[in-house]
Amino acid sequence: MPKKNEAQPRTFTRKDLASNRRARYAYEILETYEAGIALQGTEIKAMRDGKSNLQGSYAFPEKGELWLYGAHIAPYSYGNQSNHEPRRPRKLLLHKDQIEELHSKASQKGLTIVPLKLYLKGRLAKLEIALARGKRQYQKKRSIMERDINRDIRRYLKQR
């Protein structure tokens, strides 16, 4: 049993709030990063109520900062007139060298920064973003075929 003044190890619980499942289908994920997200008070409350959506959103570096565009966080139902704007740009919090690395890689032809998951880590809101390349139509069809084949194999092995 730890003594009274000893530091206890931190254990973070992770609660997923929103995911962008379409991004894994439409893009080939090259690298993933964990970014903090700067939110207003009513935004975090609405997110905890499950009122967030990442469909069609993307991240873009501007003036040495990384911004999230197109993410929808519904207004908080118990908020007042100082409630937040649902689709406002939100600043992503990363180290400066990570932002510069993402900016240099995303400026290459065909690469973009897409959000994958929005979750709570402890009491902080985090966003999993990825450096991704868009898939062509035949690659999407191939990934659907592979998924179906793997599902059939698992089904067959489960029956045995």
Protein backbone atom coordinates (compact mmCIF):
# COMPACT_ATOMS: atom_id res chain seq x y z
CA MET A 1 0.00 0.00 0.00
CA PRO A 2 1.47 3.40 -0.99
CA LYS A 3 2.34 5.83 1.73
CA LYS A 4 0.46 9.07 2.17
CA ASN A 5 3.00 11.36 0.47
CA GLU A 6 4.03 9.01 -2.36
CA ALA A 7 2.97 9.89 -5.88
CA GLN A 8 0.53 7.42 -7.34
CA PRO A 9 0.81 6.43 -10.99
CA ARG A 10 -1.73 8.14 -13.24
CA THR A 11 -4.12 5.92 -15.10
CA PHE A 12 -6.00 7.54 -17.95
CA THR A 13 -9.34 6.26 -19.05
CA ARG A 14 -10.15 6.78 -22.68
CA LYS A 15 -13.72 7.49 -23.74
CA ASP A 16 -14.37 7.74 -27.46
CA LEU A 17 -16.72 10.58 -28.37
CA ALA A 18 -16.72 10.57 -32.18
CA SER A 19 -14.95 8.74 -34.97
CA ASN A 20 -14.51 9.36 -38.67
CA ARG A 21 -14.97 5.85 -40.07
CA ARG A 22 -15.21 7.16 -43.63
CA ALA A 23 -11.63 8.47 -43.43
CA ARG A 24 -10.17 4.95 -43.09
CA TYR A 25 -12.14 3.89 -46.16
CA ALA A 26 -11.38 6.91 -48.34
CA TYR A 27 -7.73 7.47 -47.31
CA GLU A 28 -4.59 5.44 -46.91
CA ILE A 29 -3.31 6.30 -43.42
CA LEU A 30 0.45 6.99 -43.41
CA GLU A 31 1.11 8.41 -39.89
CA THR A 32 -1.05 9.19 -36.88
CA TYR A 33 -0.65 11.90 -34.24
CA GLU A 34 -2.43 12.72 -30.99
CA ALA A 35 -3.36 16.39 -30.71
CA GLY A 36 -5.05 18.39 -28.02
CA ILE A 37 -7.96 20.57 -29.06
CA ALA A 38 -8.74 24.07 -27.76
CA LEU A 39 -12.43 24.19 -26.83
CA GLN A 40 -14.87 26.55 -25.18
CA GLY A 41 -16.77 25.49 -22.06
CA THR A 42 -20.03 24.66 -23.80
CA GLU A 43 -18.21 22.65 -26.49
CA ILE A 44 -16.72 20.15 -24.05
CA LYS A 45 -20.11 19.76 -22.36
CA ALA A 46 -21.81 19.09 -25.70
CA MET A 47 -19.07 16.61 -26.64
CA ARG A 48 -19.60 14.69 -23.40
CA ASP A 49 -23.29 14.46 -24.32
CA GLY A 50 -22.24 12.79 -27.60
CA LYS A 51 -23.14 15.73 -29.84
CA SER A 52 -20.02 15.81 -32.02
CA ASN A 53 -19.35 14.71 -35.59
CA LEU A 54 -16.10 14.55 -37.58
CA GLN A 55 -17.58 13.74 -41.01
CA GLY A 56 -16.13 15.95 -43.72
CA SER A 57 -13.64 17.66 -41.43
CA TYR A 58 -9.94 18.24 -42.10
CA ALA A 59 -6.94 19.91 -40.50
CA PHE A 60 -4.89 22.63 -42.16
CA PRO A 61 -1.71 24.41 -41.02
CA GLU A 62 -1.80 28.22 -41.05
CA LYS A 63 0.86 30.62 -39.75
CA GLY A 64 2.63 27.99 -37.67
CA GLU A 65 -0.59 26.65 -36.12
CA LEU A 66 -2.80 23.70 -36.97
CA TRP A 67 -6.56 24.29 -37.32
CA LEU A 68 -9.48 21.88 -37.53
CA TYR A 69 -12.17 22.84 -40.06
CA GLY A 70 -15.59 21.34 -40.67
CA ALA A 71 -16.01 19.45 -37.38
CA HIS A 72 -19.51 19.82 -36.00
CA ILE A 73 -20.11 20.13 -32.27
CA ALA A 74 -23.79 20.84 -31.64
CA PRO A 75 -24.70 23.74 -29.35
CA TYR A 76 -25.04 22.74 -25.71
CA SER A 77 -28.72 22.26 -24.93
CA TYR A 78 -28.48 23.97 -21.51
CA GLY A 79 -26.27 26.80 -22.75
CA ASN A 80 -27.21 30.46 -22.83
CA GLN A 81 -26.64 33.20 -25.43
CA SER A 82 -22.86 32.71 -25.12
CA ASN A 83 -23.15 29.24 -26.65
CA HIS A 84 -20.54 28.28 -29.26
CA GLU A 85 -20.79 28.26 -33.05
CA PRO A 86 -21.23 24.60 -34.21
CA ARG A 87 -18.76 24.59 -37.14
CA ARG A 88 -16.20 27.16 -36.02
CA PRO A 89 -12.48 26.47 -36.71
CA ARG A 90 -10.76 24.97 -33.67
CA LYS A 91 -7.06 25.20 -32.86
CA LEU A 92 -5.19 21.91 -32.52
CA LEU A 93 -2.44 21.73 -29.91
CA LEU A 94 0.79 20.06 -31.00
CA HIS A 95 4.47 20.72 -30.51
CA LYS A 96 5.92 23.24 -32.95
CA ASP A 97 8.24 20.68 -34.58
CA GLN A 98 5.28 18.32 -35.13
CA ILE A 99 3.30 21.12 -36.78
CA GLU A 100 6.23 21.98 -39.05
CA GLU A 101 6.68 18.31 -39.96
CA LEU A 102 2.97 17.94 -40.78
CA HIS A 103 3.02 21.17 -42.80
CA SER A 104 6.00 20.06 -44.89
CA LYS A 105 4.52 16.60 -45.51
CA ALA A 106 0.98 17.85 -46.19
CA SER A 107 2.29 20.30 -48.79
CA GLN A 108 3.31 17.33 -50.94
CA LYS A 109 0.91 16.48 -53.72
CA GLY A 110 -1.94 14.23 -52.69
CA LEU A 111 -1.39 14.28 -48.91
CA THR A 112 -3.85 15.71 -46.42
CA ILE A 113 -4.45 15.78 -42.67
CA VAL A 114 -7.68 14.10 -41.58
CA PRO A 115 -9.13 13.59 -38.09
CA LEU A 116 -9.82 9.97 -37.14
CA LYS A 117 -11.13 10.01 -33.56
CA LEU A 118 -12.23 12.47 -30.93
CA TYR A 119 -11.92 11.19 -27.36
CA LEU A 120 -11.44 12.13 -23.74
CA LYS A 121 -8.15 11.14 -22.15
CA GLY A 122 -8.58 11.68 -18.47
CA ARG A 123 -10.35 15.02 -18.43
CA LEU A 124 -8.71 16.41 -21.59
CA ALA A 125 -10.19 16.31 -25.09
CA LYS A 126 -7.84 14.76 -27.64
CA LEU A 127 -8.06 14.30 -31.38
CA GLU A 128 -6.31 11.54 -33.31
CA ILE A 129 -5.24 12.99 -36.65
CA ALA A 130 -3.55 11.27 -39.55
CA LEU A 131 -1.40 12.18 -42.48
CA ALA A 132 -3.22 10.45 -45.32
CA ARG A 133 -3.25 9.93 -49.07
CA GLY A 134 -6.54 9.59 -50.94
CA LYS A 135 -7.33 6.13 -52.28
CA ARG A 136 -8.32 5.51 -55.86
CA GLN A 137 -11.59 3.75 -56.65
CA TYR A 138 -9.94 0.38 -57.36
CA GLN A 139 -8.11 0.55 -54.01
CA LYS A 140 -11.40 1.14 -52.21
CA LYS A 141 -12.96 -1.87 -53.94
CA ARG A 142 -9.95 -4.00 -53.02
CA SER A 143 -10.20 -3.02 -49.35
CA ILE A 144 -13.92 -3.96 -49.34
CA MET A 145 -13.08 -7.34 -50.90
CA GLU A 146 -10.34 -8.00 -48.33
CA ARG A 147 -12.65 -7.06 -45.48
CA ASP A 148 -15.37 -9.42 -46.78
CA ILE A 149 -12.90 -12.28 -47.23
CA ASN A 150 -11.53 -11.81 -43.71
CA ARG A 151 -15.08 -11.74 -42.32
CA ASP A 152 -15.92 -15.00 -44.12
CA ILE A 153 -12.74 -16.65 -42.80
CA ARG A 154 -13.53 -15.59 -39.23
CA ARG A 155 -17.10 -16.83 -39.61
CA TYR A 156 -15.90 -20.18 -40.97
CA LEU A 157 -13.31 -20.63 -38.17
CA LYS A 158 -15.90 -19.77 -35.54
CA GLN A 159 -18.25 -22.49 -36.83
CA ARG A 160 -15.59 -25.21 -36.66
